[in-house]
């Protein structure tokens, strides 16, 4: 069993309040869950309205599938025009590690 996750440090575009931030972050998290069948959530920078951290994770039977899905998730987030992806950190672990 493989467990993997990726965390994104994101700069939001023209956002002036926490309410506007939610209107960008919630659809992003929902689309990650729907499109890639992963767990996803806003995991940091809750009090800053122009920054956020979004995390996504999954469990897979083999590492190749895990890497394929995490790569697709990263491409999707990087391609969103309303945000700027500042960094992405990823980790994968095997159940026997």
C-alpha atoms as a PDB file:
ATOM      1  CA  UNK A   1       0.000   0.000   0.000  1.00  0.00           C
ATOM      2  CA  UNK A   2       1.243   3.473  -0.926  1.00  0.00           C
ATOM      3  CA  UNK A   3       0.176   6.721   0.709  1.00  0.00           C
ATOM      4  CA  UNK A   4       0.993  10.032  -0.959  1.00  0.00           C
ATOM      5  CA  UNK A   5       0.214  13.661  -0.528  1.00  0.00           C
ATOM      6  CA  UNK A   6       0.996  17.004  -2.077  1.00  0.00           C
ATOM      7  CA  UNK A   7       0.782  20.447  -0.473  1.00  0.00           C
ATOM      8  CA  UNK A   8       0.479  23.643  -2.487  1.00  0.00           C
ATOM      9  CA  UNK A   9       1.488  27.142  -1.409  1.00  0.00           C
ATOM     10  CA  UNK A  10      -0.830  29.390  -3.420  1.00  0.00           C
ATOM     11  CA  UNK A  11      -1.030  33.130  -4.004  1.00  0.00           C
ATOM     12  CA  UNK A  12      -4.556  34.170  -4.880  1.00  0.00           C
ATOM     13  CA  UNK A  13      -5.228  36.769  -7.555  1.00  0.00           C
ATOM     14  CA  UNK A  14      -7.455  39.800  -7.071  1.00  0.00           C
ATOM     15  CA  UNK A  15      -8.852  38.819  -3.662  1.00  0.00           C
ATOM     16  CA  UNK A  16      -9.672  41.523  -1.107  1.00  0.00           C
ATOM     17  CA  UNK A  17     -11.364  39.597   1.716  1.00  0.00           C
ATOM     18  CA  UNK A  18     -11.647  36.194   3.345  1.00  0.00           C
ATOM     19  CA  UNK A  19     -15.085  35.829   1.746  1.00  0.00           C
ATOM     20  CA  UNK A  20     -13.562  36.303  -1.727  1.00  0.00           C
ATOM     21  CA  UNK A  21     -10.809  33.860  -0.765  1.00  0.00           C
ATOM     22  CA  UNK A  22     -13.426  31.206   0.044  1.00  0.00           C
ATOM     23  CA  UNK A  23     -15.051  31.792  -3.343  1.00  0.00           C
ATOM     24  CA  UNK A  24     -11.763  30.738  -5.003  1.00  0.00           C
ATOM     25  CA  UNK A  25     -10.540  28.031  -2.621  1.00  0.00           C
ATOM     26  CA  UNK A  26     -13.784  26.066  -2.137  1.00  0.00           C
ATOM     27  CA  UNK A  27     -14.346  25.409  -5.863  1.00  0.00           C
ATOM     28  CA  UNK A  28     -10.673  24.443  -6.278  1.00  0.00           C
ATOM     29  CA  UNK A  29     -10.852  21.899  -3.439  1.00  0.00           C
ATOM     30  CA  UNK A  30     -14.203  20.550  -4.683  1.00  0.00           C
ATOM     31  CA  UNK A  31     -12.871  20.127  -8.229  1.00  0.00           C
ATOM     32  CA  UNK A  32      -9.770  18.264  -6.982  1.00  0.00           C
ATOM     33  CA  UNK A  33     -12.010  15.838  -5.108  1.00  0.00           C
ATOM     34  CA  UNK A  34     -14.399  15.378  -8.025  1.00  0.00           C
ATOM     35  CA  UNK A  35     -11.919  15.159 -10.879  1.00  0.00           C
ATOM     36  CA  UNK A  36      -9.155  13.075  -9.274  1.00  0.00           C
ATOM     37  CA  UNK A  37     -10.996  11.141  -6.511  1.00  0.00           C
ATOM     38  CA  UNK A  38      -8.548  12.352  -3.855  1.00  0.00           C
ATOM     39  CA  UNK A  39      -8.910  13.864  -0.425  1.00  0.00           C
ATOM     40  CA  UNK A  40      -8.353  17.614  -0.494  1.00  0.00           C
ATOM     41  CA  UNK A  41      -8.641  20.508   1.944  1.00  0.00           C
ATOM     42  CA  UNK A  42      -7.402  23.990   2.739  1.00  0.00           C
ATOM     43  CA  UNK A  43      -4.672  23.196   5.253  1.00  0.00           C
ATOM     44  CA  UNK A  44      -3.010  26.501   6.098  1.00  0.00           C
ATOM     45  CA  UNK A  45      -2.822  30.292   5.938  1.00  0.00           C
ATOM     46  CA  UNK A  46      -6.463  30.515   7.005  1.00  0.00           C
ATOM     47  CA  UNK A  47      -6.160  34.080   8.296  1.00  0.00           C
ATOM     48  CA  UNK A  48      -4.466  35.547   5.204  1.00  0.00           C
ATOM     49  CA  UNK A  49      -6.804  36.477   2.397  1.00  0.00           C
ATOM     50  CA  UNK A  50      -4.289  36.401  -0.479  1.00  0.00           C
ATOM     51  CA  UNK A  51      -2.452  33.205   0.502  1.00  0.00           C
ATOM     52  CA  UNK A  52      -3.566  29.667   1.115  1.00  0.00           C
ATOM     53  CA  UNK A  53      -2.208  26.174   1.463  1.00  0.00           C
ATOM     54  CA  UNK A  54      -4.156  23.339  -0.104  1.00  0.00           C
ATOM     55  CA  UNK A  55      -3.333  19.703   0.507  1.00  0.00           C
ATOM     56  CA  UNK A  56      -4.359  16.612  -1.388  1.00  0.00           C
ATOM     57  CA  UNK A  57      -3.719  12.966  -0.638  1.00  0.00           C
ATOM     58  CA  UNK A  58      -4.546   9.435  -1.688  1.00  0.00           C
ATOM     59  CA  UNK A  59      -3.913   5.764  -1.028  1.00  0.00           C
ATOM     60  CA  UNK A  60      -2.954   3.508  -3.933  1.00  0.00           C
ATOM     61  CA  UNK A  61      -1.980  -0.100  -4.515  1.00  0.00           C
ATOM     62  CA  UNK A  62       1.156   0.810  -6.452  1.00  0.00           C
ATOM     63  CA  UNK A  63       3.538   3.747  -6.599  1.00  0.00           C
ATOM     64  CA  UNK A  64       3.117   4.304 -10.349  1.00  0.00           C
ATOM     65  CA  UNK A  65      -0.582   5.075  -9.951  1.00  0.00           C
ATOM     66  CA  UNK A  66       0.126   7.316  -6.961  1.00  0.00           C
ATOM     67  CA  UNK A  67       2.703   9.359  -8.888  1.00  0.00           C
ATOM     68  CA  UNK A  68       0.427   9.587 -11.931  1.00  0.00           C
ATOM     69  CA  UNK A  69      -2.456  11.017  -9.897  1.00  0.00           C
ATOM     70  CA  UNK A  70      -0.285  13.450  -7.914  1.00  0.00           C
ATOM     71  CA  UNK A  71       1.321  14.670 -11.157  1.00  0.00           C
ATOM     72  CA  UNK A  72      -2.128  15.285 -12.648  1.00  0.00           C
ATOM     73  CA  UNK A  73      -3.276  17.121  -9.523  1.00  0.00           C
ATOM     74  CA  UNK A  74      -0.196  19.358  -9.645  1.00  0.00           C
ATOM     75  CA  UNK A  75      -0.689  20.146 -13.349  1.00  0.00           C
ATOM     76  CA  UNK A  76      -4.332  20.996 -12.696  1.00  0.00           C
ATOM     77  CA  UNK A  77      -3.530  23.402  -9.838  1.00  0.00           C
ATOM     78  CA  UNK A  78      -0.632  25.000 -11.742  1.00  0.00           C
ATOM     79  CA  UNK A  79      -2.892  25.596 -14.732  1.00  0.00           C
ATOM     80  CA  UNK A  80      -5.583  27.529 -12.866  1.00  0.00           C
ATOM     81  CA  UNK A  81      -5.582  31.141 -14.129  1.00  0.00           C
ATOM     82  CA  UNK A  82      -7.034  32.658 -10.946  1.00  0.00           C
ATOM     83  CA  UNK A  83      -4.130  31.531  -8.748  1.00  0.00           C
ATOM     84  CA  UNK A  84      -0.352  31.540  -8.760  1.00  0.00           C
ATOM     85  CA  UNK A  85       1.288  28.341  -7.574  1.00  0.00           C
ATOM     86  CA  UNK A  86       4.295  29.376  -5.477  1.00  0.00           C
ATOM     87  CA  UNK A  87       5.474  25.890  -4.517  1.00  0.00           C
ATOM     88  CA  UNK A  88       4.412  22.269  -4.273  1.00  0.00           C
ATOM     89  CA  UNK A  89       5.788  19.749  -1.816  1.00  0.00           C
ATOM     90  CA  UNK A  90       5.050  16.069  -2.130  1.00  0.00           C
ATOM     91  CA  UNK A  91       5.737  12.902  -0.230  1.00  0.00           C
ATOM     92  CA  UNK A  92       4.970   9.234  -0.716  1.00  0.00           C
ATOM     93  CA  UNK A  93       5.375   6.364   1.695  1.00  0.00           C
ATOM     94  CA  UNK A  94       5.064   2.618   1.399  1.00  0.00           C
ATOM     95  CA  UNK A  95       3.238   0.793   4.193  1.00  0.00           C
ATOM     96  CA  UNK A  96       6.424  -1.098   5.034  1.00  0.00           C
ATOM     97  CA  UNK A  97       8.601   2.034   5.434  1.00  0.00           C
END
